[in-house]
Amino acid sequence: MKTVNVNIVTPDGPVYESAVEMVSTKAQSGELGILPGHIPMVAPLEIGAVRLKKEGRTELVAVTGGFLEVRPEQVTILAQAAEPATDIDIDRAKEAKQRAERLLQAKQDNVDFKRAELALRRAMNRIDVYENKM
C-alpha cells in the first residue's frame, strides 16, 4: 500500500515521524483527509486531533493549531504544541481543564476570557485524544 511521510514538528523539535497510509485532521476550512499523491496545499489548523492511519491501526496526536503543508509524498505539520496520545499526562490535562473552567466561571474583570477559553479547548482536546487512543 502506498504511504505518505508525515512529520509533526513543534518549536521544541520533532514529535512524530513516520510513513502512513492516510492523514486526517481539522483545518480552519473544515475536515481534511490526505492520501499519498495529494495535491500540494497549505492550510491553517484548528486545535484538534491528527489521525494517522498506519498498518490497519489509527494513531492520534493532539495539536494546538498551527499549519499543515501537503506535498504529494510528504505532509508536514508545524504546531505550537503537539503530543502523541501515548504521551499525554491525563491527570495534568484534567487539572488544566478544571483551572480553565474556574477562570471562565469567575467572571472577574482581570480574567482574559479568550485565553481561558483557548486553554479549555486545548485541555479538552488532550483529554479526548487520550480517551480515544487506539
N, C-alpha and C. Protein backbone atom coordinates (compact mmCIF):
# COMPACT_ATOMS: atom_id res chain seq x y z
N MET A 1 0.84 -1.19 0.00
CA MET A 1 0.00 0.00 0.00
C MET A 1 0.88 1.24 0.00
N LYS A 2 0.45 2.25 -0.75
CA LYS A 2 1.20 3.50 -0.82
C LYS A 2 1.15 4.22 0.52
N THR A 3 2.22 4.98 0.79
CA THR A 3 2.27 5.74 2.03
C THR A 3 2.74 7.16 1.74
N VAL A 4 2.51 8.03 2.70
CA VAL A 4 2.99 9.40 2.66
C VAL A 4 3.80 9.62 3.94
N ASN A 5 4.93 10.30 3.83
CA ASN A 5 5.76 10.60 5.00
C ASN A 5 5.15 11.76 5.77
N VAL A 6 5.04 11.60 7.08
CA VAL A 6 4.45 12.63 7.94
C VAL A 6 5.46 13.07 8.98
N ASN A 7 5.61 14.38 9.12
CA ASN A 7 6.43 14.97 10.17
C ASN A 7 5.56 15.96 10.93
N ILE A 8 5.49 15.81 12.25
CA ILE A 8 4.81 16.78 13.10
C ILE A 8 5.90 17.42 13.95
N VAL A 9 6.04 18.75 13.81
CA VAL A 9 7.14 19.46 14.43
C VAL A 9 6.61 20.62 15.27
N THR A 10 7.22 20.83 16.43
CA THR A 10 6.90 21.96 17.30
C THR A 10 8.17 22.80 17.47
N PRO A 11 8.09 23.96 18.11
CA PRO A 11 9.31 24.73 18.37
C PRO A 11 10.33 23.95 19.20
N ASP A 12 9.87 22.95 19.94
CA ASP A 12 10.78 22.13 20.75
C ASP A 12 11.40 20.98 19.97
N GLY A 13 10.98 20.78 18.73
CA GLY A 13 11.55 19.71 17.91
C GLY A 13 10.49 18.77 17.38
N PRO A 14 10.95 17.70 16.70
CA PRO A 14 10.01 16.75 16.10
C PRO A 14 9.24 15.97 17.16
N VAL A 15 7.96 15.72 16.87
CA VAL A 15 7.08 14.98 17.78
C VAL A 15 6.70 13.63 17.16
N TYR A 16 6.57 13.62 15.83
CA TYR A 16 6.14 12.39 15.14
C TYR A 16 6.77 12.36 13.76
N GLU A 17 7.31 11.21 13.39
CA GLU A 17 7.86 10.99 12.05
C GLU A 17 7.58 9.56 11.65
N SER A 18 6.85 9.38 10.54
CA SER A 18 6.55 8.04 10.08
C SER A 18 5.92 8.09 8.70
N ALA A 19 5.89 6.94 8.04
CA ALA A 19 5.16 6.80 6.79
C ALA A 19 3.79 6.23 7.13
N VAL A 20 2.73 6.89 6.66
CA VAL A 20 1.37 6.46 6.98
C VAL A 20 0.55 6.34 5.69
N GLU A 21 -0.58 5.65 5.81
CA GLU A 21 -1.46 5.46 4.66
C GLU A 21 -2.43 6.62 4.47
N MET A 22 -2.78 7.29 5.57
CA MET A 22 -3.73 8.41 5.49
C MET A 22 -3.56 9.33 6.69
N VAL A 23 -3.73 10.62 6.44
CA VAL A 23 -3.72 11.64 7.49
C VAL A 23 -5.07 12.32 7.47
N SER A 24 -5.64 12.50 8.64
CA SER A 24 -6.92 13.19 8.73
C SER A 24 -6.83 14.18 9.88
N THR A 25 -7.25 15.42 9.62
CA THR A 25 -7.16 16.46 10.64
C THR A 25 -8.17 17.57 10.35
N LYS A 26 -8.31 18.49 11.29
CA LYS A 26 -9.28 19.57 11.14
C LYS A 26 -8.55 20.88 10.86
N ALA A 27 -8.79 21.40 9.67
CA ALA A 27 -8.26 22.71 9.29
C ALA A 27 -9.33 23.76 9.59
N GLN A 28 -8.96 25.02 9.51
CA GLN A 28 -9.94 26.07 9.74
C GLN A 28 -11.05 26.04 8.70
N SER A 29 -10.76 25.49 7.52
CA SER A 29 -11.77 25.42 6.47
C SER A 29 -12.62 24.15 6.54
N GLY A 30 -12.28 23.24 7.46
CA GLY A 30 -13.04 22.00 7.61
C GLY A 30 -12.14 20.79 7.74
N GLU A 31 -12.74 19.62 7.76
CA GLU A 31 -12.01 18.36 7.92
C GLU A 31 -11.24 18.03 6.65
N LEU A 32 -9.98 17.59 6.80
CA LEU A 32 -9.15 17.21 5.67
C LEU A 32 -8.74 15.75 5.78
N GLY A 33 -8.79 15.06 4.66
CA GLY A 33 -8.27 13.70 4.57
C GLY A 33 -7.21 13.70 3.49
N ILE A 34 -6.02 13.24 3.82
CA ILE A 34 -4.89 13.32 2.90
C ILE A 34 -4.35 11.92 2.64
N LEU A 35 -4.30 11.56 1.38
CA LEU A 35 -3.76 10.27 0.93
C LEU A 35 -2.48 10.53 0.16
N PRO A 36 -1.65 9.48 -0.05
CA PRO A 36 -0.45 9.66 -0.87
C PRO A 36 -0.81 10.23 -2.25
N GLY A 37 -0.01 11.17 -2.74
CA GLY A 37 -0.26 11.78 -4.03
C GLY A 37 -1.20 12.98 -3.99
N HIS A 38 -1.59 13.42 -2.81
CA HIS A 38 -2.50 14.56 -2.65
C HIS A 38 -1.90 15.80 -3.32
N ILE A 39 -2.75 16.67 -3.82
CA ILE A 39 -2.25 17.91 -4.44
C ILE A 39 -1.58 18.79 -3.38
N PRO A 40 -0.57 19.55 -3.76
CA PRO A 40 0.09 20.44 -2.80
C PRO A 40 -0.89 21.48 -2.25
N MET A 41 -0.75 21.77 -0.96
CA MET A 41 -1.59 22.79 -0.33
C MET A 41 -0.99 23.17 1.02
N VAL A 42 -1.42 24.31 1.53
CA VAL A 42 -1.07 24.77 2.87
C VAL A 42 -2.38 25.19 3.53
N ALA A 43 -2.57 24.79 4.79
CA ALA A 43 -3.81 25.14 5.48
C ALA A 43 -3.54 25.40 6.96
N PRO A 44 -4.18 26.42 7.55
CA PRO A 44 -4.09 26.62 9.00
C PRO A 44 -4.94 25.57 9.71
N LEU A 45 -4.42 25.07 10.83
CA LEU A 45 -5.11 24.02 11.58
C LEU A 45 -5.83 24.58 12.79
N GLU A 46 -6.88 23.88 13.18
CA GLU A 46 -7.61 24.15 14.43
C GLU A 46 -6.98 23.33 15.55
N ILE A 47 -7.33 23.64 16.78
CA ILE A 47 -6.99 22.77 17.90
C ILE A 47 -7.75 21.48 17.67
N GLY A 48 -7.05 20.36 17.68
CA GLY A 48 -7.74 19.09 17.43
C GLY A 48 -6.79 17.93 17.34
N ALA A 49 -7.33 16.81 16.89
CA ALA A 49 -6.54 15.58 16.77
C ALA A 49 -6.10 15.39 15.33
N VAL A 50 -4.88 14.90 15.18
CA VAL A 50 -4.40 14.44 13.88
C VAL A 50 -4.50 12.92 13.95
N ARG A 51 -5.25 12.34 13.01
CA ARG A 51 -5.42 10.89 12.96
C ARG A 51 -4.53 10.34 11.86
N LEU A 52 -3.70 9.38 12.21
CA LEU A 52 -2.73 8.83 11.28
C LEU A 52 -3.00 7.34 11.13
N LYS A 53 -3.44 6.94 9.93
CA LYS A 53 -3.74 5.53 9.69
C LYS A 53 -2.48 4.83 9.20
N LYS A 54 -2.10 3.80 9.93
CA LYS A 54 -0.84 3.11 9.66
C LYS A 54 -1.00 1.63 9.96
N GLU A 55 -0.79 0.80 8.94
CA GLU A 55 -0.82 -0.66 9.10
C GLU A 55 -2.11 -1.14 9.78
N GLY A 56 -3.23 -0.59 9.36
CA GLY A 56 -4.52 -1.04 9.86
C GLY A 56 -4.93 -0.48 11.21
N ARG A 57 -4.12 0.36 11.81
CA ARG A 57 -4.50 0.97 13.09
C ARG A 57 -4.39 2.48 12.98
N THR A 58 -5.00 3.17 13.90
CA THR A 58 -5.00 4.63 13.87
C THR A 58 -4.25 5.16 15.08
N GLU A 59 -3.27 6.03 14.83
CA GLU A 59 -2.54 6.71 15.90
C GLU A 59 -3.07 8.13 15.97
N LEU A 60 -3.14 8.68 17.19
CA LEU A 60 -3.65 10.03 17.39
C LEU A 60 -2.57 10.93 17.97
N VAL A 61 -2.55 12.18 17.50
CA VAL A 61 -1.65 13.19 18.05
C VAL A 61 -2.49 14.44 18.30
N ALA A 62 -2.46 14.97 19.52
CA ALA A 62 -3.16 16.21 19.85
C ALA A 62 -2.31 17.38 19.40
N VAL A 63 -2.89 18.30 18.62
CA VAL A 63 -2.17 19.50 18.19
C VAL A 63 -2.95 20.74 18.61
N THR A 64 -2.21 21.81 18.87
CA THR A 64 -2.85 23.05 19.28
C THR A 64 -2.73 24.07 18.16
N GLY A 65 -3.36 23.77 17.05
CA GLY A 65 -3.32 24.67 15.91
C GLY A 65 -1.99 24.56 15.18
N GLY A 66 -1.74 25.52 14.31
CA GLY A 66 -0.52 25.51 13.52
C GLY A 66 -0.85 25.48 12.05
N PHE A 67 0.07 24.94 11.27
CA PHE A 67 -0.10 24.88 9.82
C PHE A 67 0.21 23.49 9.29
N LEU A 68 -0.48 23.15 8.23
CA LEU A 68 -0.31 21.87 7.54
C LEU A 68 0.20 22.18 6.14
N GLU A 69 1.31 21.54 5.76
CA GLU A 69 1.82 21.67 4.40
C GLU A 69 1.77 20.29 3.77
N VAL A 70 1.11 20.20 2.61
CA VAL A 70 0.96 18.93 1.92
C VAL A 70 1.70 18.99 0.59
N ARG A 71 2.52 17.99 0.36
CA ARG A 71 3.14 17.75 -0.94
C ARG A 71 2.80 16.31 -1.31
N PRO A 72 2.92 15.90 -2.57
CA PRO A 72 2.46 14.56 -2.96
C PRO A 72 2.97 13.41 -2.10
N GLU A 73 4.20 13.48 -1.63
CA GLU A 73 4.75 12.37 -0.84
C GLU A 73 5.16 12.79 0.57
N GLN A 74 4.75 13.99 1.01
CA GLN A 74 5.18 14.50 2.31
C GLN A 74 4.11 15.38 2.92
N VAL A 75 3.81 15.16 4.20
CA VAL A 75 2.91 16.03 4.96
C VAL A 75 3.71 16.54 6.16
N THR A 76 3.76 17.86 6.30
CA THR A 76 4.45 18.46 7.44
C THR A 76 3.45 19.28 8.22
N ILE A 77 3.41 19.06 9.52
CA ILE A 77 2.54 19.84 10.41
C ILE A 77 3.45 20.62 11.35
N LEU A 78 3.32 21.94 11.31
CA LEU A 78 4.05 22.83 12.20
C LEU A 78 3.05 23.31 13.25
N ALA A 79 3.24 22.89 14.49
CA ALA A 79 2.28 23.20 15.55
C ALA A 79 2.97 23.89 16.72
N GLN A 80 2.22 24.73 17.42
CA GLN A 80 2.76 25.34 18.64
C GLN A 80 3.08 24.27 19.68
N ALA A 81 2.19 23.27 19.77
CA ALA A 81 2.39 22.14 20.68
C ALA A 81 1.72 20.93 20.06
N ALA A 82 2.32 19.78 20.27
CA ALA A 82 1.74 18.52 19.78
C ALA A 82 2.17 17.41 20.73
N GLU A 83 1.26 16.46 20.92
CA GLU A 83 1.51 15.39 21.89
C GLU A 83 0.85 14.10 21.42
N PRO A 84 1.63 13.05 21.17
CA PRO A 84 1.01 11.76 20.84
C PRO A 84 0.12 11.30 21.99
N ALA A 85 -0.96 10.59 21.67
CA ALA A 85 -1.90 10.13 22.68
C ALA A 85 -1.20 9.34 23.79
N THR A 86 -0.19 8.57 23.42
CA THR A 86 0.50 7.73 24.39
C THR A 86 1.35 8.54 25.38
N ASP A 87 1.64 9.82 25.04
CA ASP A 87 2.48 10.65 25.92
C ASP A 87 1.68 11.62 26.78
N ILE A 88 0.37 11.66 26.60
CA ILE A 88 -0.46 12.64 27.33
C ILE A 88 -0.57 12.25 28.80
N ASP A 89 -0.29 13.22 29.66
CA ASP A 89 -0.47 13.05 31.11
C ASP A 89 -1.93 13.45 31.40
N ILE A 90 -2.79 12.45 31.53
CA ILE A 90 -4.23 12.71 31.65
C ILE A 90 -4.57 13.49 32.91
N ASP A 91 -3.88 13.25 34.01
CA ASP A 91 -4.16 14.00 35.24
C ASP A 91 -3.85 15.48 35.05
N ARG A 92 -2.73 15.77 34.39
CA ARG A 92 -2.36 17.15 34.12
C ARG A 92 -3.38 17.81 33.19
N ALA A 93 -3.85 17.09 32.21
CA ALA A 93 -4.84 17.63 31.27
C ALA A 93 -6.15 17.94 32.00
N LYS A 94 -6.57 17.05 32.90
CA LYS A 94 -7.81 17.27 33.65
C LYS A 94 -7.68 18.46 34.60
N GLU A 95 -6.50 18.63 35.20
CA GLU A 95 -6.26 19.79 36.06
C GLU A 95 -6.32 21.09 35.26
N ALA A 96 -5.74 21.08 34.06
CA ALA A 96 -5.77 22.26 33.20
C ALA A 96 -7.20 22.60 32.81
N LYS A 97 -8.00 21.59 32.54
CA LYS A 97 -9.41 21.81 32.20
C LYS A 97 -10.15 22.45 33.37
N GLN A 98 -9.93 21.92 34.57
CA GLN A 98 -10.60 22.47 35.75
C GLN A 98 -10.18 23.91 36.01
N ARG A 99 -8.88 24.21 35.85
CA ARG A 99 -8.39 25.58 36.02
C ARG A 99 -9.07 26.53 35.04
N ALA A 100 -9.13 26.12 33.79
CA ALA A 100 -9.75 26.98 32.77
C ALA A 100 -11.24 27.18 33.05
N GLU A 101 -11.92 26.13 33.47
CA GLU A 101 -13.35 26.25 33.79
C GLU A 101 -13.57 27.21 34.96
N ARG A 102 -12.70 27.12 35.97
CA ARG A 102 -12.82 28.04 37.12
C ARG A 102 -12.63 29.49 36.68
N LEU A 103 -11.64 29.72 35.81
CA LEU A 103 -11.40 31.08 35.33
C LEU A 103 -12.60 31.62 34.54
N LEU A 104 -13.18 30.77 33.72
CA LEU A 104 -14.33 31.19 32.91
C LEU A 104 -15.56 31.45 33.77
N GLN A 105 -15.71 30.71 34.86
CA GLN A 105 -16.86 30.88 35.73
C GLN A 105 -16.69 32.04 36.70
N ALA A 106 -15.45 32.47 36.93
CA ALA A 106 -15.17 33.52 37.91
C ALA A 106 -15.77 34.87 37.51
N LYS A 107 -15.83 35.15 36.23
CA LYS A 107 -16.38 36.41 35.71
C LYS A 107 -15.78 37.63 36.40
N GLN A 108 -14.46 37.60 36.53
CA GLN A 108 -13.75 38.74 37.11
C GLN A 108 -13.18 39.60 35.99
N ASP A 109 -13.01 40.87 36.27
CA ASP A 109 -12.52 41.80 35.26
C ASP A 109 -11.08 41.50 34.82
N ASN A 110 -10.28 40.93 35.72
CA ASN A 110 -8.87 40.71 35.40
C ASN A 110 -8.63 39.38 34.66
N VAL A 111 -9.67 38.65 34.30
CA VAL A 111 -9.52 37.37 33.62
C VAL A 111 -9.58 37.59 32.10
N ASP A 112 -8.60 37.05 31.40
CA ASP A 112 -8.58 37.09 29.94
C ASP A 112 -9.41 35.90 29.45
N PHE A 113 -10.67 36.17 29.11
CA PHE A 113 -11.60 35.08 28.78
C PHE A 113 -11.21 34.34 27.51
N LYS A 114 -10.68 35.05 26.52
CA LYS A 114 -10.26 34.38 25.28
C LYS A 114 -9.14 33.39 25.57
N ARG A 115 -8.20 33.81 26.38
CA ARG A 115 -7.08 32.93 26.75
C ARG A 115 -7.57 31.73 27.56
N ALA A 116 -8.48 31.96 28.49
CA ALA A 116 -9.03 30.86 29.30
C ALA A 116 -9.84 29.90 28.42
N GLU A 117 -10.57 30.44 27.45
CA GLU A 117 -11.35 29.61 26.54
C GLU A 117 -10.43 28.72 25.68
N LEU A 118 -9.34 29.31 25.21
CA LEU A 118 -8.37 28.52 24.42
C LEU A 118 -7.71 27.45 25.28
N ALA A 119 -7.39 27.79 26.53
CA ALA A 119 -6.80 26.80 27.45
C ALA A 119 -7.78 25.64 27.68
N LEU A 120 -9.06 25.96 27.80
CA LEU A 120 -10.07 24.93 27.98
C LEU A 120 -10.16 24.03 26.74
N ARG A 121 -10.15 24.63 25.55
CA ARG A 121 -10.20 23.84 24.31
C ARG A 121 -8.97 22.94 24.18
N ARG A 122 -7.80 23.45 24.53
CA ARG A 122 -6.57 22.63 24.45
C ARG A 122 -6.64 21.47 25.42
N ALA A 123 -7.09 21.72 26.64
CA ALA A 123 -7.19 20.66 27.65
C ALA A 123 -8.22 19.61 27.23
N MET A 124 -9.36 20.06 26.72
CA MET A 124 -10.39 19.11 26.29
C MET A 124 -9.90 18.27 25.11
N ASN A 125 -9.14 18.88 24.22
CA ASN A 125 -8.57 18.15 23.08
C ASN A 125 -7.62 17.06 23.57
N ARG A 126 -6.76 17.40 24.52
CA ARG A 126 -5.81 16.41 25.05
C ARG A 126 -6.55 15.26 25.73
N ILE A 127 -7.60 15.58 26.46
CA ILE A 127 -8.40 14.53 27.13
C ILE A 127 -9.08 13.64 26.09
N ASP A 128 -9.69 14.26 25.07
CA ASP A 128 -10.35 13.48 24.02
C ASP A 128 -9.38 12.57 23.29
N VAL A 129 -8.21 13.09 22.94
CA VAL A 129 -7.21 12.28 22.24
C VAL A 129 -6.77 11.11 23.11
N TYR A 130 -6.53 11.40 24.38
CA TYR A 130 -6.10 10.33 25.31
C TYR A 130 -7.17 9.24 25.42
N GLU A 131 -8.43 9.66 25.57
CA GLU A 131 -9.51 8.70 25.76
C GLU A 131 -9.85 7.91 24.50
N ASN A 132 -9.50 8.45 23.33
CA ASN A 132 -9.81 7.77 22.07
C ASN A 132 -8.61 7.11 21.42
N LYS A 133 -7.49 7.05 22.16
CA LYS A 133 -6.30 6.43 21.55
C LYS A 133 -6.58 4.97 21.22
N MET A 134 -5.99 4.53 20.15
CA MET A 134 -6.26 3.16 19.67
C MET A 134 -5.00 2.35 19.63
